[in-house]
């Protein structure tokens, strides 16, 4: 079971997919139909003290928010997209 979050930010489509079985987060950014960024990260459970006792839904919300925050920062700093 994986969890996905999709949203538009600064004119770009962002997709964050979390796979709890591997604890990996895949992030993809598309601009004007062209993929401009894709990466995969491993979420460090120790960042959240009670992570293992949370429901799967709560865990997915935390991890997808973590992944999207990093991408938003990169877009805002001009590292991704036509602003760069």
C-alpha atoms as a PDB file:
ATOM      1  CA  UNK A   1       0.000   0.000   0.000  1.00  0.00           C
ATOM      2  CA  UNK A   2       1.390   3.394  -0.928  1.00  0.00           C
ATOM      3  CA  UNK A   3       0.064   6.859  -0.253  1.00  0.00           C
ATOM      4  CA  UNK A   4       0.180   9.714  -2.722  1.00  0.00           C
ATOM      5  CA  UNK A   5      -0.173  13.460  -2.483  1.00  0.00           C
ATOM      6  CA  UNK A   6      -0.536  15.566  -5.638  1.00  0.00           C
ATOM      7  CA  UNK A   7      -0.731  19.336  -5.816  1.00  0.00           C
ATOM      8  CA  UNK A   8       0.143  22.325  -7.974  1.00  0.00           C
ATOM      9  CA  UNK A   9       2.753  24.769  -6.718  1.00  0.00           C
ATOM     10  CA  UNK A  10       4.154  27.828  -8.512  1.00  0.00           C
ATOM     11  CA  UNK A  11       2.728  26.474 -11.790  1.00  0.00           C
ATOM     12  CA  UNK A  12       4.289  23.030 -11.375  1.00  0.00           C
ATOM     13  CA  UNK A  13       2.607  19.708 -10.678  1.00  0.00           C
ATOM     14  CA  UNK A  14       4.121  17.964  -7.666  1.00  0.00           C
ATOM     15  CA  UNK A  15       3.596  14.299  -6.820  1.00  0.00           C
ATOM     16  CA  UNK A  16       4.763  12.786  -3.525  1.00  0.00           C
ATOM     17  CA  UNK A  17       4.398   9.002  -3.150  1.00  0.00           C
ATOM     18  CA  UNK A  18       5.169   7.247   0.137  1.00  0.00           C
ATOM     19  CA  UNK A  19       5.705   3.496   0.292  1.00  0.00           C
ATOM     20  CA  UNK A  20       5.474   2.454   3.955  1.00  0.00           C
ATOM     21  CA  UNK A  21       6.869  -1.027   3.274  1.00  0.00           C
ATOM     22  CA  UNK A  22      10.221   0.493   2.254  1.00  0.00           C
ATOM     23  CA  UNK A  23       9.862   3.840   4.049  1.00  0.00           C
ATOM     24  CA  UNK A  24      10.775   5.583   0.782  1.00  0.00           C
ATOM     25  CA  UNK A  25       9.346   8.788  -0.623  1.00  0.00           C
ATOM     26  CA  UNK A  26       9.375   9.389  -4.380  1.00  0.00           C
ATOM     27  CA  UNK A  27       9.041  13.017  -5.464  1.00  0.00           C
ATOM     28  CA  UNK A  28       8.272  14.081  -9.022  1.00  0.00           C
ATOM     29  CA  UNK A  29       7.867  17.621 -10.363  1.00  0.00           C
ATOM     30  CA  UNK A  30       6.366  18.316 -13.791  1.00  0.00           C
ATOM     31  CA  UNK A  31       6.233  21.665 -15.571  1.00  0.00           C
ATOM     32  CA  UNK A  32       4.207  22.133 -18.776  1.00  0.00           C
ATOM     33  CA  UNK A  33       3.896  18.348 -19.135  1.00  0.00           C
ATOM     34  CA  UNK A  34       7.650  17.746 -18.859  1.00  0.00           C
ATOM     35  CA  UNK A  35       9.193  15.984 -15.856  1.00  0.00           C
ATOM     36  CA  UNK A  36      11.851  18.347 -14.514  1.00  0.00           C
ATOM     37  CA  UNK A  37      12.733  16.572 -11.281  1.00  0.00           C
ATOM     38  CA  UNK A  38      12.448  13.123  -9.761  1.00  0.00           C
ATOM     39  CA  UNK A  39      14.114  11.704  -6.678  1.00  0.00           C
ATOM     40  CA  UNK A  40      13.622   9.083  -4.018  1.00  0.00           C
ATOM     41  CA  UNK A  41      14.397   9.568  -0.347  1.00  0.00           C
ATOM     42  CA  UNK A  42      14.234   7.386   2.746  1.00  0.00           C
ATOM     43  CA  UNK A  43      12.303   8.899   5.648  1.00  0.00           C
ATOM     44  CA  UNK A  44      14.101   8.762   8.994  1.00  0.00           C
ATOM     45  CA  UNK A  45      11.501   7.524  11.496  1.00  0.00           C
ATOM     46  CA  UNK A  46      13.551   8.871  14.388  1.00  0.00           C
ATOM     47  CA  UNK A  47      12.492  12.401  13.341  1.00  0.00           C
ATOM     48  CA  UNK A  48       9.091  11.698  14.911  1.00  0.00           C
ATOM     49  CA  UNK A  49       9.254  10.287  18.438  1.00  0.00           C
ATOM     50  CA  UNK A  50       6.075   8.167  18.380  1.00  0.00           C
ATOM     51  CA  UNK A  51       6.076   7.360  14.642  1.00  0.00           C
ATOM     52  CA  UNK A  52       5.784   3.572  15.024  1.00  0.00           C
ATOM     53  CA  UNK A  53       2.686   3.756  17.213  1.00  0.00           C
ATOM     54  CA  UNK A  54       0.787   6.111  14.889  1.00  0.00           C
ATOM     55  CA  UNK A  55      -1.810   4.872  12.440  1.00  0.00           C
ATOM     56  CA  UNK A  56      -0.740   4.277   8.839  1.00  0.00           C
ATOM     57  CA  UNK A  57      -2.788   7.314   7.805  1.00  0.00           C
ATOM     58  CA  UNK A  58      -1.036   9.572  10.327  1.00  0.00           C
ATOM     59  CA  UNK A  59       2.367   8.266   9.256  1.00  0.00           C
ATOM     60  CA  UNK A  60       1.557   8.904   5.579  1.00  0.00           C
ATOM     61  CA  UNK A  61       0.468  12.486   6.311  1.00  0.00           C
ATOM     62  CA  UNK A  62       3.711  13.225   8.142  1.00  0.00           C
ATOM     63  CA  UNK A  63       5.976  11.692   5.511  1.00  0.00           C
ATOM     64  CA  UNK A  64       4.208  13.245   2.504  1.00  0.00           C
ATOM     65  CA  UNK A  65       4.259  16.647   4.241  1.00  0.00           C
ATOM     66  CA  UNK A  66       8.001  16.207   4.869  1.00  0.00           C
ATOM     67  CA  UNK A  67       8.589  15.338   1.222  1.00  0.00           C
ATOM     68  CA  UNK A  68       6.492  18.188  -0.128  1.00  0.00           C
ATOM     69  CA  UNK A  69       8.103  20.775   2.159  1.00  0.00           C
ATOM     70  CA  UNK A  70      11.514  19.960   0.712  1.00  0.00           C
ATOM     71  CA  UNK A  71      10.270  20.294  -2.859  1.00  0.00           C
ATOM     72  CA  UNK A  72       8.468  23.573  -2.117  1.00  0.00           C
ATOM     73  CA  UNK A  73      11.682  25.004  -0.682  1.00  0.00           C
ATOM     74  CA  UNK A  74      13.648  24.017  -3.790  1.00  0.00           C
ATOM     75  CA  UNK A  75      11.035  25.651  -6.052  1.00  0.00           C
ATOM     76  CA  UNK A  76      10.954  28.818  -3.936  1.00  0.00           C
ATOM     77  CA  UNK A  77      14.743  29.053  -4.023  1.00  0.00           C
ATOM     78  CA  UNK A  78      14.687  28.798  -7.821  1.00  0.00           C
ATOM     79  CA  UNK A  79      16.388  25.407  -7.965  1.00  0.00           C
ATOM     80  CA  UNK A  80      13.500  23.887  -9.963  1.00  0.00           C
ATOM     81  CA  UNK A  81      11.337  25.196 -12.757  1.00  0.00           C
ATOM     82  CA  UNK A  82      11.468  28.125 -15.127  1.00  0.00           C
ATOM     83  CA  UNK A  83      12.419  30.517 -12.288  1.00  0.00           C
ATOM     84  CA  UNK A  84      15.898  28.932 -12.103  1.00  0.00           C
END
